[in-house]
Amino acid sequence: MTREIATVALANGLTLSYAEQGDRSDPALVLLPGPTDSWWSYEAVLDRMRISTRTIAVSQRGHGDSDKPATGYRVDDFAADVVGLLDALHITRAVLVGHSGSCLVARRVAIETPERVAGLVLESSPTTFVGEPGPAAFVESVVSKLADPIDPELARSFVVDTSGEIAPELLDELVRELLKVPARVWHEMFSDLLQYNDLPELGDVAAPVLLIWGDRDGLVSREMQEQLVAGFSCADLVVYPGVGHAPRWEDPVRFATDVTAFAERVLAT
């Protein structure tokens, strides 16, 4: 399948980098990488997507080769960019796919602009990080002390600690992409994630939701997944046995199959 690497200028003045494949049709499938990842983190699954539907993997602001403004790295900022991306690419409705912290971004878009969201795929989604001691300790001990340039060994350990077992060549590329994220982006982004809580609003999400979670995930729990299933009006949970926090890296074939099957179903309605 032919893939194009391009940039798009949003109405707010930012330019985002993205990869696109499939027919330039509407609606579309939009992939949102988790914090510190670029569109490249979906490389392993893009070639395995079996649908011709327009598929776009985007580097969010501050990430990859996208613009990196001085501030603006809250969930609400990223969500506004997603809507701006849909507008700029003339996409009226999309299935949004998020990973980890970017699941909160996808959820925000579905809450604020339900008419633009046909469905949500939430990979390794937290409920909220508010009051969670592990993320709070990480921000306090690691993120708050970061300065540019980011130490490559710290970047490598972050990817390893959050990803499970992945191929060495994939690990090397993920680290290279992570090193493009300035320290100021880490500071504001992770600080906001510790305060963000949309759980009371999940019932407002009208779109169907697919939750994908690995049972060896050390960052988000099965209890969180069950709480999310109960909070949404229409949600299903798929569990990947023996997989950690990044199912798309550890089992890209199954991930691509599950995502495309879900997208085909909801985009057909």
Protein backbone atom coordinates (compact mmCIF):
# COMPACT_ATOMS: atom_id res chain seq x y z
CA MET A 1 0.00 0.00 0.00
CA THR A 2 1.41 3.40 -1.03
CA ARG A 3 2.26 5.67 1.87
CA GLU A 4 2.87 9.42 1.82
CA ILE A 5 4.81 11.35 4.46
CA ALA A 6 3.56 14.93 4.53
CA THR A 7 2.87 17.99 6.65
CA VAL A 8 -0.35 19.92 7.17
CA ALA A 9 -0.87 23.47 8.38
CA LEU A 10 -3.66 23.89 10.94
CA ALA A 11 -5.81 26.99 11.29
CA ASN A 12 -4.07 27.76 14.60
CA GLY A 13 -0.76 28.19 12.73
CA LEU A 14 0.87 24.91 13.73
CA THR A 15 2.25 22.44 11.21
CA LEU A 16 1.95 18.72 11.96
CA SER A 17 3.83 15.84 10.36
CA TYR A 18 1.88 12.74 9.39
CA ALA A 19 1.89 9.55 7.34
CA GLU A 20 -1.09 8.73 5.14
CA GLN A 21 -2.16 5.70 3.14
CA GLY A 22 -5.28 4.30 1.52
CA ASP A 23 -7.95 6.02 -0.55
CA ARG A 24 -8.34 9.72 0.18
CA SER A 25 -11.90 9.20 1.26
CA ASP A 26 -14.08 10.35 4.10
CA PRO A 27 -14.50 9.08 6.81
CA ALA A 28 -11.00 8.07 7.94
CA LEU A 29 -8.92 6.26 10.55
CA VAL A 30 -6.64 8.57 12.57
CA LEU A 31 -3.85 7.17 14.77
CA LEU A 32 -2.64 9.25 17.73
CA PRO A 33 0.65 8.10 19.30
CA GLY A 34 1.10 8.22 23.06
CA PRO A 35 3.25 10.76 24.91
CA THR A 36 6.82 11.13 23.48
CA ASP A 37 6.00 8.99 20.40
CA SER A 38 5.75 10.21 16.79
CA TRP A 39 3.65 8.84 13.92
CA TRP A 40 6.52 6.43 13.30
CA SER A 41 5.42 4.39 16.34
CA TYR A 42 2.64 2.99 14.11
CA GLU A 43 5.09 1.88 11.41
CA ALA A 44 4.79 -1.79 12.38
CA VAL A 45 1.02 -1.85 11.90
CA LEU A 46 0.47 0.50 8.96
CA ASP A 47 1.49 -2.08 6.34
CA ARG A 48 -0.79 -4.61 7.97
CA MET A 49 -3.93 -2.51 7.73
CA ARG A 50 -6.17 -4.44 5.36
CA ILE A 51 -8.74 -1.74 4.65
CA SER A 52 -8.54 0.83 1.89
CA THR A 53 -10.02 3.47 4.18
CA ARG A 54 -7.90 6.59 4.49
CA THR A 55 -5.47 5.95 7.36
CA ILE A 56 -3.47 8.76 8.95
CA ALA A 57 -0.84 8.48 11.68
CA VAL A 58 0.07 11.90 13.06
CA SER A 59 2.89 13.30 15.16
CA GLN A 60 1.18 15.53 17.69
CA ARG A 61 2.54 18.97 18.54
CA GLY A 62 5.92 18.81 20.26
CA HIS A 63 6.62 15.36 18.82
CA GLY A 64 8.55 13.96 15.88
CA ASP A 65 8.89 16.49 13.07
CA SER A 66 5.79 18.49 14.03
CA ASP A 67 6.02 22.07 15.31
CA LYS A 68 7.12 22.53 18.89
CA PRO A 69 5.66 25.76 20.31
CA ALA A 70 6.87 27.13 23.63
CA THR A 71 3.69 26.03 25.45
CA GLY A 72 0.39 24.26 24.82
CA TYR A 73 0.83 20.63 25.80
CA ARG A 74 -2.33 19.93 27.77
CA VAL A 75 -4.88 17.30 26.80
CA ASP A 76 -7.20 20.08 25.63
CA ASP A 77 -4.47 21.50 23.36
CA PHE A 78 -3.79 18.16 21.70
CA ALA A 79 -7.53 17.53 21.29
CA ALA A 80 -8.04 20.89 19.60
CA ASP A 81 -5.25 20.00 17.17
CA VAL A 82 -7.02 16.75 16.26
CA VAL A 83 -10.13 18.67 15.27
CA GLY A 84 -7.92 21.12 13.38
CA LEU A 85 -6.28 18.22 11.58
CA LEU A 86 -9.65 16.82 10.53
CA ASP A 87 -10.67 20.25 9.25
CA ALA A 88 -7.42 20.79 7.33
CA LEU A 89 -7.61 17.37 5.68
CA HIS A 90 -11.35 17.73 4.93
CA ILE A 91 -12.38 14.76 7.09
CA THR A 92 -15.87 15.04 8.53
CA ARG A 93 -15.78 11.89 10.72
CA ALA A 94 -13.04 9.55 11.87
CA VAL A 95 -12.26 6.56 14.02
CA LEU A 96 -9.65 7.81 16.49
CA VAL A 97 -7.00 5.41 17.78
CA GLY A 98 -5.09 6.45 20.90
CA HIS A 99 -2.35 4.90 23.00
CA SER A 100 -1.82 5.41 26.74
CA GLY A 101 -2.00 9.16 27.48
CA SER A 102 -3.28 9.98 24.00
CA CYS A 103 -6.39 7.94 24.79
CA LEU A 104 -7.37 10.90 26.95
CA VAL A 105 -6.95 13.13 23.89
CA ALA A 106 -9.16 10.88 21.75
CA ARG A 107 -11.75 10.80 24.52
CA ARG A 108 -11.71 14.61 24.79
CA VAL A 109 -12.39 14.94 21.07
CA ALA A 110 -15.29 12.47 21.34
CA ILE A 111 -16.76 14.39 24.28
CA GLU A 112 -16.37 17.87 22.77
CA THR A 113 -17.15 17.11 19.10
CA PRO A 114 -19.16 13.87 18.98
CA GLU A 115 -20.25 14.52 15.41
CA ARG A 116 -16.61 14.13 14.26
CA VAL A 117 -15.98 10.76 15.94
CA ALA A 118 -17.32 7.51 14.47
CA GLY A 119 -15.53 5.31 17.00
CA LEU A 120 -12.64 5.10 19.48
CA VAL A 121 -9.89 2.50 19.79
CA LEU A 122 -8.13 2.94 23.13
CA GLU A 123 -4.88 0.99 23.46
CA SER A 124 -3.62 0.58 27.03
CA SER A 125 -5.88 3.37 28.22
CA PRO A 126 -5.72 4.71 31.77
CA THR A 127 -8.84 5.82 33.57
CA THR A 128 -7.13 8.84 35.10
CA PHE A 129 -3.67 9.43 36.57
CA VAL A 130 -5.07 11.63 39.31
CA GLY A 131 -4.00 10.18 42.65
CA GLU A 132 -1.92 7.41 41.06
CA PRO A 133 1.37 7.19 43.02
CA GLY A 134 3.44 5.55 40.26
CA PRO A 135 2.99 8.25 37.59
CA ALA A 136 3.29 10.98 40.23
CA ALA A 137 6.61 9.55 41.43
CA PHE A 138 7.89 9.29 37.83
CA VAL A 139 7.07 12.93 37.13
CA GLU A 140 8.64 14.04 40.41
CA SER A 141 11.82 11.99 40.16
CA VAL A 142 12.46 11.97 36.40
CA VAL A 143 10.36 14.36 34.32
CA SER A 144 10.73 17.40 36.57
CA LYS A 145 14.53 17.10 36.35
CA LEU A 146 14.77 16.76 32.57
CA ALA A 147 16.77 19.31 30.61
CA ASP A 148 17.80 19.58 26.98
CA PRO A 149 19.33 17.67 25.39
CA ILE A 150 17.57 14.56 26.72
CA ASP A 151 20.01 11.85 27.76
CA PRO A 152 19.83 9.02 25.16
CA GLU A 153 20.24 6.38 27.86
CA LEU A 154 17.33 7.82 29.83
CA ALA A 155 15.28 7.84 26.62
CA ARG A 156 16.13 4.20 25.96
CA SER A 157 15.26 3.14 29.50
CA PHE A 158 11.91 4.98 29.26
CA VAL A 159 10.98 3.13 26.07
CA VAL A 160 12.09 -0.23 27.47
CA ASP A 161 10.29 0.26 30.77
CA THR A 162 7.00 1.14 29.09
CA SER A 163 6.97 -1.10 26.01
CA GLY A 164 7.61 -4.74 26.88
CA GLU A 165 9.57 -6.97 24.50
CA ILE A 166 10.25 -5.34 21.12
CA ALA A 167 12.84 -5.88 18.37
CA PRO A 168 16.16 -4.03 18.84
CA GLU A 169 15.85 -2.18 15.52
CA LEU A 170 12.39 -0.92 16.49
CA LEU A 171 13.72 0.15 19.88
CA ASP A 172 16.54 2.14 18.26
CA GLU A 173 14.12 4.05 16.02
CA LEU A 174 11.68 4.74 18.86
CA VAL A 175 14.52 6.21 20.92
CA ARG A 176 15.61 8.42 18.00
CA GLU A 177 12.07 9.75 17.67
CA LEU A 178 11.71 10.29 21.43
CA LEU A 179 14.88 12.40 21.47
CA LYS A 180 13.10 14.92 19.22
CA VAL A 181 10.77 15.85 22.10
CA PRO A 182 12.10 18.86 24.08
CA ALA A 183 12.20 18.78 27.88
CA ARG A 184 9.60 21.56 28.11
CA VAL A 185 7.10 19.32 26.30
CA TRP A 186 7.66 16.53 28.83
CA HIS A 187 7.23 18.98 31.72
CA GLU A 188 3.91 20.48 30.65
CA MET A 189 2.45 17.33 29.12
CA PHE A 190 3.06 15.01 32.06
CA SER A 191 2.11 17.66 34.61
CA ASP A 192 -1.27 18.06 32.92
CA LEU A 193 -1.79 14.29 32.66
CA LEU A 194 -1.47 14.03 36.45
CA GLN A 195 -4.40 16.48 36.84
CA TYR A 196 -6.69 15.40 34.03
CA ASN A 197 -9.89 13.50 34.86
CA ASP A 198 -12.72 12.99 32.38
CA LEU A 199 -14.31 9.97 34.10
CA PRO A 200 -17.56 11.81 34.97
CA GLU A 201 -17.98 12.61 31.25
CA LEU A 202 -17.40 9.17 29.72
CA GLY A 203 -21.12 8.49 29.55
CA ASP A 204 -21.37 11.41 27.12
CA VAL A 205 -19.32 9.52 24.51
CA ALA A 206 -21.87 8.29 21.99
CA ALA A 207 -19.43 6.50 19.68
CA PRO A 208 -18.62 2.79 20.11
CA VAL A 209 -15.35 2.08 21.89
CA LEU A 210 -12.84 -0.76 21.55
CA LEU A 211 -10.41 -1.15 24.47
CA ILE A 212 -7.19 -3.09 23.75
CA TRP A 213 -5.11 -4.10 26.76
CA GLY A 214 -2.23 -6.51 27.47
CA ASP A 215 -2.45 -8.54 30.66
CA ARG A 216 1.24 -7.83 31.46
CA ASP A 217 0.74 -4.07 31.38
CA GLY A 218 2.56 -2.65 34.37
CA LEU A 219 1.23 0.89 33.91
CA VAL A 220 -2.53 0.52 33.54
CA SER A 221 -4.51 -2.22 35.26
CA ARG A 222 -7.32 -4.61 34.42
CA GLU A 223 -9.37 -2.77 37.03
CA MET A 224 -8.97 0.42 35.01
CA GLN A 225 -10.17 -1.36 31.87
CA GLU A 226 -13.25 -2.67 33.63
CA GLN A 227 -13.98 0.79 35.00
CA LEU A 228 -13.77 2.22 31.48
CA VAL A 229 -16.08 -0.46 30.05
CA ALA A 230 -18.62 0.43 32.74
CA GLY A 231 -18.21 4.17 32.14
CA PHE A 232 -18.81 4.22 28.38
CA SER A 233 -22.26 3.62 26.95
CA CYS A 234 -20.95 1.14 24.34
CA ALA A 235 -17.54 -0.45 24.90
CA ASP A 236 -15.83 -3.81 24.42
CA LEU A 237 -12.53 -4.99 25.93
CA VAL A 238 -10.04 -7.19 24.08
CA VAL A 239 -7.25 -8.67 26.22
CA TYR A 240 -3.90 -9.66 24.70
CA PRO A 241 -2.32 -12.42 26.84
CA GLY A 242 1.39 -12.08 27.60
CA VAL A 243 1.55 -8.52 26.24
CA GLY A 244 2.57 -5.34 28.03
CA HIS A 245 1.82 -1.64 27.60
CA ALA A 246 2.31 -1.45 23.81
CA PRO A 247 0.24 -4.20 22.12
CA ARG A 248 0.81 -2.72 18.65
CA TRP A 249 4.57 -3.24 19.01
CA GLU A 250 4.40 -6.67 20.64
CA ASP A 251 1.64 -8.14 18.45
CA PRO A 252 1.25 -5.86 15.41
CA VAL A 253 -0.58 -8.45 13.31
CA ARG A 254 -3.37 -8.93 15.81
CA PHE A 255 -3.53 -5.21 16.60
CA ALA A 256 -3.91 -4.27 12.93
CA THR A 257 -6.56 -6.95 12.46
CA ASP A 258 -8.58 -5.83 15.48
CA VAL A 259 -8.37 -2.12 14.62
CA THR A 260 -9.29 -2.56 10.96
CA ALA A 261 -12.18 -4.90 11.74
CA PHE A 262 -13.56 -2.37 14.23
CA ALA A 263 -13.07 0.53 11.81
CA GLU A 264 -14.73 -1.32 8.95
CA ARG A 265 -17.73 -2.03 11.14
CA VAL A 266 -18.26 1.45 12.55
CA LEU A 267 -17.42 3.36 9.38
CA ALA A 268 -19.97 1.32 7.46
CA THR A 269 -22.81 2.59 9.65
